[in-house]
PDB file of N, CA and C in Angstrom:
ATOM      1  N   UNK A   1      82.183 127.775 114.250  1.00  0.00           N
ATOM      2  CA  UNK A   1      83.113 128.404 115.176  1.00  0.00           C
ATOM      3  C   UNK A   1      83.563 127.411 116.254  1.00  0.00           C
ATOM      4  N   UNK A   2      82.581 126.647 116.773  1.00  0.00           N
ATOM      5  CA  UNK A   2      82.914 125.661 117.795  1.00  0.00           C
ATOM      6  C   UNK A   2      83.860 124.600 117.240  1.00  0.00           C
ATOM      7  N   UNK A   3      83.637 124.200 116.014  1.00  0.00           N
ATOM      8  CA  UNK A   3      84.455 123.169 115.388  1.00  0.00           C
ATOM      9  C   UNK A   3      85.897 123.635 115.240  1.00  0.00           C
ATOM     10  N   UNK A   4      86.084 124.885 114.848  1.00  0.00           N
ATOM     11  CA  UNK A   4      87.432 125.423 114.682  1.00  0.00           C
ATOM     12  C   UNK A   4      88.154 125.474 116.023  1.00  0.00           C
ATOM     13  N   UNK A   5      87.459 125.902 117.077  1.00  0.00           N
ATOM     14  CA  UNK A   5      88.071 125.951 118.408  1.00  0.00           C
ATOM     15  C   UNK A   5      88.429 124.552 118.906  1.00  0.00           C
ATOM     16  N   UNK A   6      87.530 123.605 118.712  1.00  0.00           N
ATOM     17  CA  UNK A   6      87.819 122.231 119.121  1.00  0.00           C
ATOM     18  C   UNK A   6      88.989 121.648 118.336  1.00  0.00           C
ATOM     19  N   UNK A   7      89.045 121.953 117.038  1.00  0.00           N
ATOM     20  CA  UNK A   7      90.145 121.477 116.213  1.00  0.00           C
ATOM     21  C   UNK A   7      91.473 122.067 116.680  1.00  0.00           C
ATOM     22  N   UNK A   8      91.497 123.349 117.006  1.00  0.00           N
ATOM     23  CA  UNK A   8      92.736 123.991 117.502  1.00  0.00           C
ATOM     24  C   UNK A   8      93.158 123.398 118.848  1.00  0.00           C
ATOM     25  N   UNK A   9      92.172 123.189 119.724  1.00  0.00           N
ATOM     26  CA  UNK A   9      92.492 122.606 121.034  1.00  0.00           C
ATOM     27  C   UNK A   9      93.049 121.196 120.859  1.00  0.00           C
ATOM     28  N   UNK A  10      92.432 120.412 119.978  1.00  0.00           N
ATOM     29  CA  UNK A  10      92.920 119.064 119.730  1.00  0.00           C
ATOM     30  C   UNK A  10      94.334 119.084 119.138  1.00  0.00           C
ATOM     31  N   UNK A  11      94.598 120.007 118.234  1.00  0.00           N
ATOM     32  CA  UNK A  11      95.906 120.123 117.612  1.00  0.00           C
ATOM     33  C   UNK A  11      96.976 120.503 118.646  1.00  0.00           C
ATOM     34  N   UNK A  12      96.657 121.427 119.527  1.00  0.00           N
ATOM     35  CA  UNK A  12      97.608 121.838 120.577  1.00  0.00           C
ATOM     36  C   UNK A  12      97.907 120.667 121.517  1.00  0.00           C
ATOM     37  N   UNK A  13      96.861 119.940 121.923  1.00  0.00           N
ATOM     38  CA  UNK A  13      97.072 118.786 122.795  1.00  0.00           C
ATOM     39  C   UNK A  13      97.894 117.706 122.109  1.00  0.00           C
ATOM     40  N   UNK A  14      97.658 117.508 120.836  1.00  0.00           N
ATOM     41  CA  UNK A  14      98.419 116.525 120.087  1.00  0.00           C
ATOM     42  C   UNK A  14      99.892 116.915 120.004  1.00  0.00           C
ATOM     43  N   UNK A  15     100.157 118.176 119.725  1.00  0.00           N
ATOM     44  CA  UNK A  15     101.543 118.654 119.640  1.00  0.00           C
ATOM     45  C   UNK A  15     102.234 118.530 120.994  1.00  0.00           C
ATOM     46  N   UNK A  16     101.551 118.928 122.070  1.00  0.00           N
ATOM     47  CA  UNK A  16     102.145 118.796 123.405  1.00  0.00           C
ATOM     48  C   UNK A  16     102.383 117.341 123.764  1.00  0.00           C
ATOM     49  N   UNK A  17     101.468 116.473 123.407  1.00  0.00           N
ATOM     50  CA  UNK A  17     101.640 115.051 123.687  1.00  0.00           C
ATOM     51  C   UNK A  17     102.825 114.463 122.968  1.00  0.00           C
ATOM     52  N   UNK A  18     103.050 114.853 121.717  1.00  0.00           N
ATOM     53  CA  UNK A  18     104.198 114.337 120.971  1.00  0.00           C
ATOM     54  C   UNK A  18     105.510 114.874 121.501  1.00  0.00           C
ATOM     55  N   UNK A  19     105.552 116.133 121.901  1.00  0.00           N
ATOM     56  CA  UNK A  19     106.808 116.685 122.402  1.00  0.00           C
ATOM     57  C   UNK A  19     107.161 116.091 123.762  1.00  0.00           C
ATOM     58  N   UNK A  20     106.184 115.791 124.581  1.00  0.00           N
ATOM     59  CA  UNK A  20     106.469 115.177 125.878  1.00  0.00           C
ATOM     60  C   UNK A  20     107.017 113.768 125.682  1.00  0.00           C
ATOM     61  N   UNK A  21     106.423 112.994 124.779  1.00  0.00           N
ATOM     62  CA  UNK A  21     106.911 111.630 124.584  1.00  0.00           C
ATOM     63  C   UNK A  21     108.300 111.616 123.965  1.00  0.00           C
ATOM     64  N   UNK A  22     108.611 112.574 123.125  1.00  0.00           N
ATOM     65  CA  UNK A  22     109.954 112.669 122.553  1.00  0.00           C
ATOM     66  C   UNK A  22     110.958 113.040 123.638  1.00  0.00           C
ATOM     67  N   UNK A  23     110.577 113.876 124.572  1.00  0.00           N
ATOM     68  CA  UNK A  23     111.461 114.270 125.660  1.00  0.00           C
ATOM     69  C   UNK A  23     111.826 113.120 126.579  1.00  0.00           C
ATOM     70  N   UNK A  24     110.949 112.130 126.713  1.00  0.00           N
ATOM     71  CA  UNK A  24     111.219 110.996 127.583  1.00  0.00           C
ATOM     72  C   UNK A  24     111.982 109.880 126.890  1.00  0.00           C
ATOM     73  N   UNK A  25     112.279 110.007 125.609  1.00  0.00           N
ATOM     74  CA  UNK A  25     112.967 108.936 124.891  1.00  0.00           C
ATOM     75  C   UNK A  25     114.472 109.142 124.852  1.00  0.00           C
ATOM     76  N   UNK A  26     115.017 109.789 125.865  1.00  0.00           N
ATOM     77  CA  UNK A  26     116.456 110.019 125.915  1.00  0.00           C
ATOM     78  C   UNK A  26     117.187 108.715 126.227  1.00  0.00           C
ATOM     79  N   UNK A  27     118.424 108.620 125.751  1.00  0.00           N
ATOM     80  CA  UNK A  27     119.233 107.454 126.078  1.00  0.00           C
ATOM     81  C   UNK A  27     119.786 107.610 127.493  1.00  0.00           C
ATOM     82  N   UNK A  28     120.180 106.508 128.078  1.00  0.00           N
ATOM     83  CA  UNK A  28     120.724 106.539 129.430  1.00  0.00           C
ATOM     84  C   UNK A  28     122.228 106.766 129.344  1.00  0.00           C
ATOM     85  N   UNK A  29     122.727 107.897 129.837  1.00  0.00           N
ATOM     86  CA  UNK A  29     124.151 108.201 129.704  1.00  0.00           C
ATOM     87  C   UNK A  29     125.030 107.322 130.593  1.00  0.00           C
ATOM     88  N   UNK A  30     126.161 106.918 130.051  1.00  0.00           N
ATOM     89  CA  UNK A  30     127.143 106.137 130.799  1.00  0.00           C
ATOM     90  C   UNK A  30     127.859 107.061 131.769  1.00  0.00           C
ATOM     91  N   UNK A  31     127.991 106.618 133.022  1.00  0.00           N
ATOM     92  CA  UNK A  31     128.668 107.432 134.025  1.00  0.00           C
ATOM     93  C   UNK A  31     129.973 106.812 134.501  1.00  0.00           C
ATOM     94  N   UNK A  32     130.259 105.570 134.100  1.00  0.00           N
ATOM     95  CA  UNK A  32     131.523 104.953 134.487  1.00  0.00           C
ATOM     96  C   UNK A  32     131.671 103.561 133.901  1.00  0.00           C
ATOM     97  N   UNK A  33     132.928 103.153 133.716  1.00  0.00           N
ATOM     98  CA  UNK A  33     133.224 101.797 133.254  1.00  0.00           C
ATOM     99  C   UNK A  33     134.397 101.241 134.056  1.00  0.00           C
ATOM    100  N   UNK A  34     134.384  99.939 134.251  1.00  0.00           N
ATOM    101  CA  UNK A  34     135.478  99.247 134.925  1.00  0.00           C
ATOM    102  C   UNK A  34     135.502  97.827 134.391  1.00  0.00           C
ATOM    103  N   UNK A  35     136.428  97.550 133.476  1.00  0.00           N
ATOM    104  CA  UNK A  35     136.461  96.238 132.832  1.00  0.00           C
ATOM    105  C   UNK A  35     135.176  96.021 132.047  1.00  0.00           C
ATOM    106  N   UNK A  36     134.499  94.886 132.281  1.00  0.00           N
ATOM    107  CA  UNK A  36     133.251  94.627 131.552  1.00  0.00           C
ATOM    108  C   UNK A  36     132.026  95.294 132.194  1.00  0.00           C
ATOM    109  N   UNK A  37     132.224  96.005 133.310  1.00  0.00           N
ATOM    110  CA  UNK A  37     131.107  96.660 133.988  1.00  0.00           C
ATOM    111  C   UNK A  37     130.894  98.060 133.422  1.00  0.00           C
ATOM    112  N   UNK A  38     129.634  98.396 133.188  1.00  0.00           N
ATOM    113  CA  UNK A  38     129.268  99.728 132.711  1.00  0.00           C
ATOM    114  C   UNK A  38     128.183 100.273 133.627  1.00  0.00           C
ATOM    115  N   UNK A  39     128.399 101.456 134.166  1.00  0.00           N
ATOM    116  CA  UNK A  39     127.398 102.109 135.015  1.00  0.00           C
ATOM    117  C   UNK A  39     126.708 103.194 134.199  1.00  0.00           C
ATOM    118  N   UNK A  40     125.396 103.286 134.352  1.00  0.00           N
ATOM    119  CA  UNK A  40     124.659 104.321 133.649  1.00  0.00           C
ATOM    120  C   UNK A  40     123.577 104.895 134.554  1.00  0.00           C
ATOM    121  N   UNK A  41     123.157 106.096 134.200  1.00  0.00           N
ATOM    122  CA  UNK A  41     122.177 106.857 134.974  1.00  0.00           C
ATOM    123  C   UNK A  41     120.854 106.842 134.218  1.00  0.00           C
ATOM    124  N   UNK A  42     119.768 106.630 134.944  1.00  0.00           N
ATOM    125  CA  UNK A  42     118.437 106.624 134.334  1.00  0.00           C
ATOM    126  C   UNK A  42     117.518 107.536 135.141  1.00  0.00           C
ATOM    127  N   UNK A  43     116.636 108.220 134.461  1.00  0.00           N
ATOM    128  CA  UNK A  43     115.661 109.075 135.145  1.00  0.00           C
ATOM    129  C   UNK A  43     114.712 108.203 135.951  1.00  0.00           C
ATOM    130  N   UNK A  44     114.401 108.651 137.148  1.00  0.00           N
ATOM    131  CA  UNK A  44     113.456 107.952 138.013  1.00  0.00           C
ATOM    132  C   UNK A  44     112.551 109.000 138.647  1.00  0.00           C
ATOM    133  N   UNK A  45     111.547 108.547 139.351  1.00  0.00           N
ATOM    134  CA  UNK A  45     110.610 109.449 139.997  1.00  0.00           C
ATOM    135  C   UNK A  45     111.334 110.305 141.033  1.00  0.00           C
ATOM    136  N   UNK A  46     111.350 111.587 140.844  1.00  0.00           N
ATOM    137  CA  UNK A  46     111.971 112.568 141.750  1.00  0.00           C
ATOM    138  C   UNK A  46     113.471 112.351 141.956  1.00  0.00           C
ATOM    139  N   UNK A  47     114.153 111.753 141.000  1.00  0.00           N
ATOM    140  CA  UNK A  47     115.590 111.560 141.172  1.00  0.00           C
ATOM    141  C   UNK A  47     116.211 110.767 140.047  1.00  0.00           C
ATOM    142  N   UNK A  48     117.256 110.006 140.402  1.00  0.00           N
ATOM    143  CA  UNK A  48     118.033 109.235 139.431  1.00  0.00           C
ATOM    144  C   UNK A  48     118.249 107.823 139.927  1.00  0.00           C
ATOM    145  N   UNK A  49     118.198 106.861 139.018  1.00  0.00           N
ATOM    146  CA  UNK A  49     118.597 105.484 139.286  1.00  0.00           C
ATOM    147  C   UNK A  49     119.978 105.274 138.696  1.00  0.00           C
ATOM    148  N   UNK A  50     120.870 104.660 139.443  1.00  0.00           N
ATOM    149  CA  UNK A  50     122.181 104.278 138.929  1.00  0.00           C
ATOM    150  C   UNK A  50     122.152 102.759 138.770  1.00  0.00           C
ATOM    151  N   UNK A  51     122.470 102.289 137.567  1.00  0.00           N
ATOM    152  CA  UNK A  51     122.447 100.860 137.281  1.00  0.00           C
ATOM    153  C   UNK A  51     123.806 100.420 136.759  1.00  0.00           C
ATOM    154  N   UNK A  52     124.184  99.166 137.048  1.00  0.00           N
ATOM    155  CA  UNK A  52     125.459  98.614 136.589  1.00  0.00           C
ATOM    156  C   UNK A  52     125.164  97.371 135.756  1.00  0.00           C
ATOM    157  N   UNK A  53     125.743  97.331 134.552  1.00  0.00           N
ATOM    158  CA  UNK A  53     125.558  96.205 133.634  1.00  0.00           C
ATOM    159  C   UNK A  53     126.876  95.444 133.497  1.00  0.00           C
ATOM    160  N   UNK A  54     126.794  94.106 133.521  1.00  0.00           N
ATOM    161  CA  UNK A  54     127.960  93.246 133.361  1.00  0.00           C
ATOM    162  C   UNK A  54     127.877  92.593 131.985  1.00  0.00           C
ATOM    163  N   UNK A  55     128.869  92.838 131.123  1.00  0.00           N
ATOM    164  CA  UNK A  55     128.880  92.282 129.773  1.00  0.00           C
ATOM    165  C   UNK A  55     129.763  91.043 129.647  1.00  0.00           C
ATOM    166  N   UNK A  56     130.220  90.475 130.767  1.00  0.00           N
ATOM    167  CA  UNK A  56     131.110  89.308 130.693  1.00  0.00           C
ATOM    168  C   UNK A  56     130.332  88.028 130.979  1.00  0.00           C
ATOM    169  N   UNK A  57     131.045  86.916 130.924  1.00  0.00           N
ATOM    170  CA  UNK A  57     130.445  85.601 131.169  1.00  0.00           C
ATOM    171  C   UNK A  57     130.576  85.140 132.610  1.00  0.00           C
ATOM    172  N   UNK A  58     131.186  85.939 133.476  1.00  0.00           N
ATOM    173  CA  UNK A  58     131.363  85.579 134.883  1.00  0.00           C
ATOM    174  C   UNK A  58     130.807  86.694 135.762  1.00  0.00           C
ATOM    175  N   UNK A  59     130.372  86.365 136.986  1.00  0.00           N
ATOM    176  CA  UNK A  59     129.907  87.420 137.887  1.00  0.00           C
ATOM    177  C   UNK A  59     131.068  88.320 138.321  1.00  0.00           C
ATOM    178  N   UNK A  60     130.787  89.592 138.477  1.00  0.00           N
ATOM    179  CA  UNK A  60     131.801  90.558 138.896  1.00  0.00           C
ATOM    180  C   UNK A  60     131.355  91.261 140.163  1.00  0.00           C
ATOM    181  N   UNK A  61     132.327  91.604 140.995  1.00  0.00           N
ATOM    182  CA  UNK A  61     132.077  92.430 142.163  1.00  0.00           C
ATOM    183  C   UNK A  61     132.317  93.873 141.770  1.00  0.00           C
ATOM    184  N   UNK A  62     131.350  94.735 142.022  1.00  0.00           N
ATOM    185  CA  UNK A  62     131.496  96.156 141.714  1.00  0.00           C
ATOM    186  C   UNK A  62     131.606  96.935 143.022  1.00  0.00           C
ATOM    187  N   UNK A  63     132.721  97.625 143.196  1.00  0.00           N
ATOM    188  CA  UNK A  63     132.909  98.513 144.335  1.00  0.00           C
ATOM    189  C   UNK A  63     132.851  99.925 143.770  1.00  0.00           C
ATOM    190  N   UNK A  64     131.947 100.731 144.302  1.00  0.00           N
ATOM    191  CA  UNK A  64     131.694 102.047 143.714  1.00  0.00           C
ATOM    192  C   UNK A  64     131.256 103.036 144.778  1.00  0.00           C
ATOM    193  N   UNK A  65     131.175 104.292 144.390  1.00  0.00           N
ATOM    194  CA  UNK A  65     130.678 105.341 145.278  1.00  0.00           C
ATOM    195  C   UNK A  65     129.699 106.214 144.504  1.00  0.00           C
ATOM    196  N   UNK A  66     128.554 106.457 145.117  1.00  0.00           N
ATOM    197  CA  UNK A  66     127.566 107.388 144.574  1.00  0.00           C
ATOM    198  C   UNK A  66     127.486 108.545 145.556  1.00  0.00           C
ATOM    199  N   UNK A  67     127.803 109.736 145.078  1.00  0.00           N
ATOM    200  CA  UNK A  67     127.852 110.931 145.930  1.00  0.00           C
ATOM    201  C   UNK A  67     128.674 110.683 147.201  1.00  0.00           C
ATOM    202  N   UNK A  68     129.824 110.049 147.022  1.00  0.00           N
ATOM    203  CA  UNK A  68     130.805 109.750 148.073  1.00  0.00           C
ATOM    204  C   UNK A  68     130.349 108.698 149.080  1.00  0.00           C
ATOM    205  N   UNK A  69     129.256 107.990 148.821  1.00  0.00           N
ATOM    206  CA  UNK A  69     128.817 106.890 149.675  1.00  0.00           C
ATOM    207  C   UNK A  69     129.220 105.593 148.996  1.00  0.00           C
ATOM    208  N   UNK A  70     130.124 104.841 149.630  1.00  0.00           N
ATOM    209  CA  UNK A  70     130.660 103.612 149.034  1.00  0.00           C
ATOM    210  C   UNK A  70     129.678 102.458 149.194  1.00  0.00           C
ATOM    211  N   UNK A  71     129.723 101.552 148.224  1.00  0.00           N
ATOM    212  CA  UNK A  71     128.863 100.380 148.261  1.00  0.00           C
ATOM    213  C   UNK A  71     129.494  99.268 147.432  1.00  0.00           C
ATOM    214  N   UNK A  72     128.966  98.076 147.556  1.00  0.00           N
ATOM    215  CA  UNK A  72     129.469  96.911 146.838  1.00  0.00           C
ATOM    216  C   UNK A  72     128.279  96.108 146.338  1.00  0.00           C
ATOM    217  N   UNK A  73     128.347  95.668 145.092  1.00  0.00           N
ATOM    218  CA  UNK A  73     127.298  94.831 144.509  1.00  0.00           C
ATOM    219  C   UNK A  73     127.957  93.705 143.713  1.00  0.00           C
ATOM    220  N   UNK A  74     127.355  92.542 143.743  1.00  0.00           N
ATOM    221  CA  UNK A  74     127.785  91.451 142.870  1.00  0.00           C
ATOM    222  C   UNK A  74     126.862  91.476 141.665  1.00  0.00           C
ATOM    223  N   UNK A  75     127.464  91.609 140.481  1.00  0.00           N
ATOM    224  CA  UNK A  75     126.700  91.744 139.245  1.00  0.00           C
ATOM    225  C   UNK A  75     126.781  90.417 138.488  1.00  0.00           C
ATOM    226  N   UNK A  76     125.645  89.735 138.310  1.00  0.00           N
ATOM    227  CA  UNK A  76     125.645  88.458 137.584  1.00  0.00           C
ATOM    228  C   UNK A  76     126.033  88.656 136.111  1.00  0.00           C
ATOM    229  N   UNK A  77     126.489  87.585 135.445  1.00  0.00           N
ATOM    230  CA  UNK A  77     126.879  87.710 134.038  1.00  0.00           C
ATOM    231  C   UNK A  77     125.697  88.125 133.149  1.00  0.00           C
ATOM    232  N   UNK A  78     125.968  89.032 132.254  1.00  0.00           N
ATOM    233  CA  UNK A  78     124.997  89.525 131.265  1.00  0.00           C
ATOM    234  C   UNK A  78     123.711  90.023 131.921  1.00  0.00           C
ATOM    235  N   UNK A  79     123.839  90.679 133.053  1.00  0.00           N
ATOM    236  CA  UNK A  79     122.680  91.218 133.771  1.00  0.00           C
ATOM    237  C   UNK A  79     122.943  92.671 134.145  1.00  0.00           C
ATOM    238  N   UNK A  80     121.883  93.330 134.561  1.00  0.00           N
ATOM    239  CA  UNK A  80     121.955  94.700 135.067  1.00  0.00           C
ATOM    240  C   UNK A  80     121.375  94.715 136.473  1.00  0.00           C
ATOM    241  N   UNK A  81     122.086  95.353 137.398  1.00  0.00           N
ATOM    242  CA  UNK A  81     121.591  95.470 138.773  1.00  0.00           C
ATOM    243  C   UNK A  81     121.417  96.938 139.117  1.00  0.00           C
ATOM    244  N   UNK A  82     120.528  97.180 140.062  1.00  0.00           N
ATOM    245  CA  UNK A  82     120.308  98.529 140.551  1.00  0.00           C
ATOM    246  C   UNK A  82     121.385  98.844 141.585  1.00  0.00           C
ATOM    247  N   UNK A  83     122.198  99.853 141.333  1.00  0.00           N
ATOM    248  CA  UNK A  83     123.268 100.201 142.266  1.00  0.00           C
ATOM    249  C   UNK A  83     122.778 101.169 143.331  1.00  0.00           C
ATOM    250  N   UNK A  84     121.828 102.010 142.972  1.00  0.00           N
ATOM    251  CA  UNK A  84     121.328 102.953 143.954  1.00  0.00           C
ATOM    252  C   UNK A  84     120.343 103.938 143.358  1.00  0.00           C
ATOM    253  N   UNK A  85     119.751 104.721 144.239  1.00  0.00           N
ATOM    254  CA  UNK A  85     118.790 105.743 143.869  1.00  0.00           C
ATOM    255  C   UNK A  85     119.215 107.037 144.533  1.00  0.00           C
ATOM    256  N   UNK A  86     119.174 108.123 143.792  1.00  0.00           N
ATOM    257  CA  UNK A  86     119.537 109.426 144.339  1.00  0.00           C
ATOM    258  C   UNK A  86     118.339 110.336 144.209  1.00  0.00           C
ATOM    259  N   UNK A  87     117.876 110.866 145.324  1.00  0.00           N
ATOM    260  CA  UNK A  87     116.733 111.766 145.339  1.00  0.00           C
ATOM    261  C   UNK A  87     117.200 113.176 145.007  1.00  0.00           C
ATOM    262  N   UNK A  88     116.520 113.843 144.134  1.00  0.00           N
ATOM    263  CA  UNK A  88     116.839 115.227 143.823  1.00  0.00           C
ATOM    264  C   UNK A  88     117.056 115.454 142.346  1.00  0.00           C
ATOM    265  N   UNK A  89     117.136 116.721 141.995  1.00  0.00           N
ATOM    266  CA  UNK A  89     117.246 117.076 140.580  1.00  0.00           C
ATOM    267  C   UNK A  89     118.692 117.198 140.105  1.00  0.00           C
ATOM    268  N   UNK A  90     119.654 117.313 141.031  1.00  0.00           N
ATOM    269  CA  UNK A  90     121.050 117.433 140.622  1.00  0.00           C
ATOM    270  C   UNK A  90     121.579 116.078 140.156  1.00  0.00           C
ATOM    271  N   UNK A  91     122.444 116.099 139.171  1.00  0.00           N
ATOM    272  CA  UNK A  91     123.015 114.867 138.649  1.00  0.00           C
ATOM    273  C   UNK A  91     124.018 114.321 139.658  1.00  0.00           C
ATOM    274  N   UNK A  92     123.873 113.061 140.079  1.00  0.00           N
ATOM    275  CA  UNK A  92     124.764 112.502 141.096  1.00  0.00           C
ATOM    276  C   UNK A  92     126.150 112.186 140.536  1.00  0.00           C
ATOM    277  N   UNK A  93     127.130 112.134 141.438  1.00  0.00           N
ATOM    278  CA  UNK A  93     128.474 111.720 141.024  1.00  0.00           C
ATOM    279  C   UNK A  93     128.593 110.212 141.227  1.00  0.00           C
ATOM    280  N   UNK A  94     129.341 109.566 140.341  1.00  0.00           N
ATOM    281  CA  UNK A  94     129.535 108.120 140.420  1.00  0.00           C
ATOM    282  C   UNK A  94     130.978 107.812 140.092  1.00  0.00           C
ATOM    283  N   UNK A  95     131.599 106.915 140.887  1.00  0.00           N
ATOM    284  CA  UNK A  95     132.983 106.505 140.645  1.00  0.00           C
ATOM    285  C   UNK A  95     133.138 105.033 141.016  1.00  0.00           C
ATOM    286  N   UNK A  96     133.791 104.265 140.127  1.00  0.00           N
ATOM    287  CA  UNK A  96     134.214 102.919 140.485  1.00  0.00           C
ATOM    288  C   UNK A  96     135.486 103.041 141.305  1.00  0.00           C
ATOM    289  N   UNK A  97     135.715 102.106 142.230  1.00  0.00           N
ATOM    290  CA  UNK A  97     136.954 102.086 142.996  1.00  0.00           C
ATOM    291  C   UNK A  97     138.094 101.692 142.062  1.00  0.00           C
ATOM    292  N   UNK A  98     139.260 102.346 142.177  1.00  0.00           N
ATOM    293  CA  UNK A  98     140.379 101.953 141.331  1.00  0.00           C
ATOM    294  C   UNK A  98     140.826 100.531 141.683  1.00  0.00           C
ATOM    295  N   UNK A  99     140.882  99.681 140.684  1.00  0.00           N
ATOM    296  CA  UNK A  99     141.281  98.277 140.851  1.00  0.00           C
ATOM    297  C   UNK A  99     140.437  97.548 141.893  1.00  0.00           C
ATOM    298  N   UNK A 100     139.229  98.020 142.116  1.00  0.00           N
ATOM    299  CA  UNK A 100     138.391  97.400 143.129  1.00  0.00           C
ATOM    300  C   UNK A 100     137.376  96.420 142.594  1.00  0.00           C
ATOM    301  N   UNK A 101     137.090  96.496 141.307  1.00  0.00           N
ATOM    302  CA  UNK A 101     136.096  95.602 140.727  1.00  0.00           C
ATOM    303  C   UNK A 101     136.802  94.419 140.080  1.00  0.00           C
ATOM    304  N   UNK A 102     136.237  93.244 140.229  1.00  0.00           N
ATOM    305  CA  UNK A 102     136.848  92.072 139.635  1.00  0.00           C
ATOM    306  C   UNK A 102     135.924  90.886 139.684  1.00  0.00           C
ATOM    307  N   UNK A 103     136.351  89.782 139.034  1.00  0.00           N
ATOM    308  CA  UNK A 103     135.496  88.599 139.032  1.00  0.00           C
ATOM    309  C   UNK A 103     135.310  88.056 140.441  1.00  0.00           C
ATOM    310  N   UNK A 104     134.160  87.470 140.673  1.00  0.00           N
ATOM    311  CA  UNK A 104     133.870  86.878 141.981  1.00  0.00           C
ATOM    312  C   UNK A 104     134.579  85.538 142.066  1.00  0.00           C
ATOM    313  N   UNK A 105     135.348  85.352 143.147  1.00  0.00           N
ATOM    314  CA  UNK A 105     136.057  84.081 143.345  1.00  0.00           C
ATOM    315  C   UNK A 105     135.066  83.044 143.869  1.00  0.00           C
ATOM    316  N   UNK A 106     135.097  81.878 143.285  1.00  0.00           N
ATOM    317  CA  UNK A 106     134.217  80.815 143.752  1.00  0.00           C
ATOM    318  C   UNK A 106     134.802  80.224 145.031  1.00  0.00           C
ATOM    319  N   UNK A 107     133.925  79.989 145.996  1.00  0.00           N
ATOM    320  CA  UNK A 107     134.387  79.436 147.281  1.00  0.00           C
ATOM    321  C   UNK A 107     134.834  77.995 147.084  1.00  0.00           C
ATOM    322  N   UNK A 108     135.944  77.639 147.733  1.00  0.00           N
ATOM    323  CA  UNK A 108     136.459  76.268 147.639  1.00  0.00           C
ATOM    324  C   UNK A 108     135.517  75.335 148.397  1.00  0.00           C
ATOM    325  N   UNK A 109     135.253  74.198 147.824  1.00  0.00           N
ATOM    326  CA  UNK A 109     134.352  73.260 148.475  1.00  0.00           C
ATOM    327  C   UNK A 109     135.080  72.577 149.635  1.00  0.00           C
ATOM    328  N   UNK A 110     134.387  72.386 150.741  1.00  0.00           N
ATOM    329  CA  UNK A 110     134.964  71.754 151.918  1.00  0.00           C
ATOM    330  C   UNK A 110     134.523  70.298 151.962  1.00  0.00           C
ATOM    331  N   UNK A 111     135.438  69.440 152.276  1.00  0.00           N
ATOM    332  CA  UNK A 111     135.109  68.004 152.360  1.00  0.00           C
ATOM    333  C   UNK A 111     135.110  67.554 153.779  1.00  0.00           C
TER     334      UNK A 111
END
C-alpha cells in the first residue's frame, strides 16, 4: 500500500515538473522593429524585460518608449541590449520613434 502511494506521489510530482518546465519554454515575442533593430519582450522576475537586438554590421541608436517613457540606447552590431524593465503582470507597451533610429555617426577626429 505504501509503495502504491509513493509511486502515485512520485508520478504526480513528475507530471507537474514537466508541465512547469514546458510552460517556461515560451519564445520571446517581438514587440517592435525599426530597420535592423528588433525589440522583444522576455519574462523576468515580477515583470518584463524589454531587449533590443541589432542585426546589422554597424552600431545603431535606438529611440523608443516603454509605457510612454522615452529613452535612447546605442546598440552595438550583432548584440542585444537591455532596453528596460517593467514591474507588474500587465504586458507593457513598446514603440520605436518614427524615423528616430539610425546608425551612429562616428565623431570626426580633431587635429
